[in-house]
């Protein structure tokens, strides 16, 4: 059975995409901790990140790094925080969250953004990603 994240990556469920390749998909979290909170997933379903093959783990991590660099350019922040929790959806995912302090990584506090705001943030991150990593 496909996970909700597989359905999002396949376009069966709407999302706010920021980057993608044949193995990965990055999109805005609909319950963000901060504006610009992105989830990075492998297209291949795997529940637990440490069950990925070494090759898939490294590829996912390197893709997330590229997305983080785009977030840094698009969203005012001191750093992009990284979290791998993996309990809420049975599909490996990496949280990338623009932060200015450690307190900004508190998952107990979510922020609500209007759809237009989400779309603008996603577009800005996607544009920075494309500027940093133009298609070959």
C-alpha atoms as a PDB file:
ATOM      1  CA  UNK A   1       0.000   0.000   0.000  1.00  0.00           C
ATOM      2  CA  UNK A   2       1.299   3.438  -0.899  1.00  0.00           C
ATOM      3  CA  UNK A   3       2.050   5.889   1.872  1.00  0.00           C
ATOM      4  CA  UNK A   4       0.634   9.392   1.855  1.00  0.00           C
ATOM      5  CA  UNK A   5       4.116  10.644   0.935  1.00  0.00           C
ATOM      6  CA  UNK A   6       4.298   8.301  -2.075  1.00  0.00           C
ATOM      7  CA  UNK A   7       0.935   9.645  -3.204  1.00  0.00           C
ATOM      8  CA  UNK A   8       2.182  13.217  -2.761  1.00  0.00           C
ATOM      9  CA  UNK A   9       5.350  12.514  -4.772  1.00  0.00           C
ATOM     10  CA  UNK A  10       3.263  10.852  -7.508  1.00  0.00           C
ATOM     11  CA  UNK A  11       1.005  13.918  -7.740  1.00  0.00           C
ATOM     12  CA  UNK A  12      -2.051  12.029  -6.485  1.00  0.00           C
ATOM     13  CA  UNK A  13      -2.312  14.401  -3.515  1.00  0.00           C
ATOM     14  CA  UNK A  14      -1.578  18.127  -3.948  1.00  0.00           C
ATOM     15  CA  UNK A  15       1.565  19.543  -2.379  1.00  0.00           C
ATOM     16  CA  UNK A  16       3.843  22.549  -2.467  1.00  0.00           C
ATOM     17  CA  UNK A  17       6.899  21.114  -4.263  1.00  0.00           C
ATOM     18  CA  UNK A  18      10.309  22.745  -3.942  1.00  0.00           C
ATOM     19  CA  UNK A  19      12.639  20.219  -5.611  1.00  0.00           C
ATOM     20  CA  UNK A  20      12.588  16.785  -7.181  1.00  0.00           C
ATOM     21  CA  UNK A  21      14.622  14.293  -9.104  1.00  0.00           C
ATOM     22  CA  UNK A  22      14.024  10.708 -10.160  1.00  0.00           C
ATOM     23  CA  UNK A  23      14.820   9.380  -6.646  1.00  0.00           C
ATOM     24  CA  UNK A  24      13.682  12.170  -4.291  1.00  0.00           C
ATOM     25  CA  UNK A  25      10.921  14.686  -3.696  1.00  0.00           C
ATOM     26  CA  UNK A  26      10.948  17.779  -1.463  1.00  0.00           C
ATOM     27  CA  UNK A  27       7.836  19.701  -0.499  1.00  0.00           C
ATOM     28  CA  UNK A  28       6.557  22.086   2.161  1.00  0.00           C
ATOM     29  CA  UNK A  29       5.226  20.535   5.351  1.00  0.00           C
ATOM     30  CA  UNK A  30       1.520  21.409   5.602  1.00  0.00           C
ATOM     31  CA  UNK A  31       1.882  21.667   9.398  1.00  0.00           C
ATOM     32  CA  UNK A  32       5.100  23.643   9.536  1.00  0.00           C
ATOM     33  CA  UNK A  33       7.159  24.394  12.594  1.00  0.00           C
ATOM     34  CA  UNK A  34       8.291  27.547  10.755  1.00  0.00           C
ATOM     35  CA  UNK A  35       7.654  29.101   7.341  1.00  0.00           C
ATOM     36  CA  UNK A  36       9.820  27.239   4.835  1.00  0.00           C
ATOM     37  CA  UNK A  37       9.678  23.889   6.705  1.00  0.00           C
ATOM     38  CA  UNK A  38      10.385  21.282   4.023  1.00  0.00           C
ATOM     39  CA  UNK A  39      10.090  17.497   4.010  1.00  0.00           C
ATOM     40  CA  UNK A  40      12.558  15.554   1.869  1.00  0.00           C
ATOM     41  CA  UNK A  41      11.630  11.984   0.967  1.00  0.00           C
ATOM     42  CA  UNK A  42      12.959   9.165  -1.153  1.00  0.00           C
ATOM     43  CA  UNK A  43      10.458   8.135  -3.823  1.00  0.00           C
ATOM     44  CA  UNK A  44      11.162   4.538  -2.857  1.00  0.00           C
ATOM     45  CA  UNK A  45       9.085   3.613   0.171  1.00  0.00           C
ATOM     46  CA  UNK A  46      11.038   2.720   3.293  1.00  0.00           C
ATOM     47  CA  UNK A  47       9.661   3.232   6.770  1.00  0.00           C
ATOM     48  CA  UNK A  48      12.945   3.738   8.650  1.00  0.00           C
ATOM     49  CA  UNK A  49      15.835   5.833   7.366  1.00  0.00           C
ATOM     50  CA  UNK A  50      18.469   3.483   8.762  1.00  0.00           C
ATOM     51  CA  UNK A  51      16.995   0.626   6.746  1.00  0.00           C
ATOM     52  CA  UNK A  52      17.918   2.419   3.511  1.00  0.00           C
ATOM     53  CA  UNK A  53      20.863   1.017   1.618  1.00  0.00           C
ATOM     54  CA  UNK A  54      24.060   3.000   2.077  1.00  0.00           C
ATOM     55  CA  UNK A  55      23.719   4.295  -1.478  1.00  0.00           C
ATOM     56  CA  UNK A  56      20.105   5.425  -0.967  1.00  0.00           C
ATOM     57  CA  UNK A  57      20.927   6.969   2.428  1.00  0.00           C
ATOM     58  CA  UNK A  58      23.808   8.995   1.006  1.00  0.00           C
ATOM     59  CA  UNK A  59      21.794  10.093  -2.019  1.00  0.00           C
ATOM     60  CA  UNK A  60      18.898  11.245   0.188  1.00  0.00           C
ATOM     61  CA  UNK A  61      21.229  13.126   2.501  1.00  0.00           C
ATOM     62  CA  UNK A  62      23.014  14.850  -0.388  1.00  0.00           C
ATOM     63  CA  UNK A  63      19.695  15.806  -1.976  1.00  0.00           C
ATOM     64  CA  UNK A  64      18.518  17.223   1.382  1.00  0.00           C
ATOM     65  CA  UNK A  65      21.731  19.255   1.597  1.00  0.00           C
ATOM     66  CA  UNK A  66      20.982  20.833  -1.777  1.00  0.00           C
ATOM     67  CA  UNK A  67      17.430  21.652  -0.691  1.00  0.00           C
ATOM     68  CA  UNK A  68      18.769  23.169   2.549  1.00  0.00           C
ATOM     69  CA  UNK A  69      21.069  25.457   0.549  1.00  0.00           C
ATOM     70  CA  UNK A  70      18.048  26.673  -1.439  1.00  0.00           C
ATOM     71  CA  UNK A  71      16.046  27.248   1.760  1.00  0.00           C
ATOM     72  CA  UNK A  72      18.925  29.350   3.152  1.00  0.00           C
ATOM     73  CA  UNK A  73      18.768  31.573   0.051  1.00  0.00           C
ATOM     74  CA  UNK A  74      14.963  31.871   0.037  1.00  0.00           C
ATOM     75  CA  UNK A  75      13.992  32.150   3.703  1.00  0.00           C
ATOM     76  CA  UNK A  76      15.671  34.538   6.161  1.00  0.00           C
ATOM     77  CA  UNK A  77      17.346  32.348   8.785  1.00  0.00           C
ATOM     78  CA  UNK A  78      20.666  31.736  10.527  1.00  0.00           C
ATOM     79  CA  UNK A  79      20.652  28.004   9.776  1.00  0.00           C
ATOM     80  CA  UNK A  80      18.530  25.215   8.423  1.00  0.00           C
ATOM     81  CA  UNK A  81      17.848  22.736  11.204  1.00  0.00           C
ATOM     82  CA  UNK A  82      17.609  19.035  10.407  1.00  0.00           C
ATOM     83  CA  UNK A  83      15.422  16.479  12.149  1.00  0.00           C
ATOM     84  CA  UNK A  84      14.724  12.843  11.415  1.00  0.00           C
ATOM     85  CA  UNK A  85      11.971  11.538  13.621  1.00  0.00           C
ATOM     86  CA  UNK A  86      10.058   9.071  11.502  1.00  0.00           C
ATOM     87  CA  UNK A  87       7.142   8.222  13.767  1.00  0.00           C
ATOM     88  CA  UNK A  88       4.324  10.224  12.231  1.00  0.00           C
ATOM     89  CA  UNK A  89       4.348   8.789   8.669  1.00  0.00           C
ATOM     90  CA  UNK A  90       5.714   5.337   7.801  1.00  0.00           C
ATOM     91  CA  UNK A  91       7.915   6.708   5.011  1.00  0.00           C
ATOM     92  CA  UNK A  92      11.455   7.963   5.528  1.00  0.00           C
ATOM     93  CA  UNK A  93      11.585  11.737   5.601  1.00  0.00           C
ATOM     94  CA  UNK A  94      13.956  14.486   6.627  1.00  0.00           C
ATOM     95  CA  UNK A  95      12.648  17.724   8.123  1.00  0.00           C
ATOM     96  CA  UNK A  96      14.517  20.867   7.022  1.00  0.00           C
ATOM     97  CA  UNK A  97      13.477  23.866   9.107  1.00  0.00           C
ATOM     98  CA  UNK A  98      14.716  27.460   8.785  1.00  0.00           C
ATOM     99  CA  UNK A  99      15.819  28.495  12.277  1.00  0.00           C
ATOM    100  CA  UNK A 100      17.305  31.431  14.138  1.00  0.00           C
ATOM    101  CA  UNK A 101      17.592  29.674  17.507  1.00  0.00           C
ATOM    102  CA  UNK A 102      17.369  26.171  18.951  1.00  0.00           C
ATOM    103  CA  UNK A 103      13.869  26.955  20.197  1.00  0.00           C
ATOM    104  CA  UNK A 104      12.722  27.180  16.566  1.00  0.00           C
ATOM    105  CA  UNK A 105      13.006  23.365  16.311  1.00  0.00           C
ATOM    106  CA  UNK A 106      10.138  22.765  18.747  1.00  0.00           C
ATOM    107  CA  UNK A 107       7.709  20.375  17.038  1.00  0.00           C
ATOM    108  CA  UNK A 108       5.080  21.062  19.699  1.00  0.00           C
ATOM    109  CA  UNK A 109       4.451  24.463  18.150  1.00  0.00           C
ATOM    110  CA  UNK A 110       3.181  24.667  14.600  1.00  0.00           C
ATOM    111  CA  UNK A 111       2.469  27.717  12.512  1.00  0.00           C
ATOM    112  CA  UNK A 112      -0.461  28.252  10.177  1.00  0.00           C
ATOM    113  CA  UNK A 113       0.128  29.758   6.776  1.00  0.00           C
ATOM    114  CA  UNK A 114      -2.432  30.694   4.141  1.00  0.00           C
ATOM    115  CA  UNK A 115      -2.319  28.702   0.886  1.00  0.00           C
ATOM    116  CA  UNK A 116      -1.047  31.763  -0.992  1.00  0.00           C
ATOM    117  CA  UNK A 117       1.777  32.183   1.514  1.00  0.00           C
ATOM    118  CA  UNK A 118       2.680  28.473   1.205  1.00  0.00           C
ATOM    119  CA  UNK A 119       2.694  28.739  -2.591  1.00  0.00           C
ATOM    120  CA  UNK A 120       4.919  31.846  -2.512  1.00  0.00           C
ATOM    121  CA  UNK A 121       7.422  30.195  -0.155  1.00  0.00           C
ATOM    122  CA  UNK A 122       7.511  27.002  -2.237  1.00  0.00           C
ATOM    123  CA  UNK A 123       8.050  29.013  -5.407  1.00  0.00           C
ATOM    124  CA  UNK A 124      10.860  31.022  -3.842  1.00  0.00           C
ATOM    125  CA  UNK A 125      12.679  27.899  -2.594  1.00  0.00           C
ATOM    126  CA  UNK A 126      12.165  26.128  -5.931  1.00  0.00           C
ATOM    127  CA  UNK A 127      13.580  29.120  -7.819  1.00  0.00           C
ATOM    128  CA  UNK A 128      16.661  29.226  -5.577  1.00  0.00           C
ATOM    129  CA  UNK A 129      17.107  25.462  -5.997  1.00  0.00           C
ATOM    130  CA  UNK A 130      16.983  25.830  -9.786  1.00  0.00           C
ATOM    131  CA  UNK A 131      19.448  28.748  -9.658  1.00  0.00           C
ATOM    132  CA  UNK A 132      21.882  26.787  -7.504  1.00  0.00           C
ATOM    133  CA  UNK A 133      21.462  23.484  -9.359  1.00  0.00           C
ATOM    134  CA  UNK A 134      20.423  24.129 -12.970  1.00  0.00           C
ATOM    135  CA  UNK A 135      19.346  21.064 -14.923  1.00  0.00           C
ATOM    136  CA  UNK A 136      22.135  19.534 -16.940  1.00  0.00           C
END
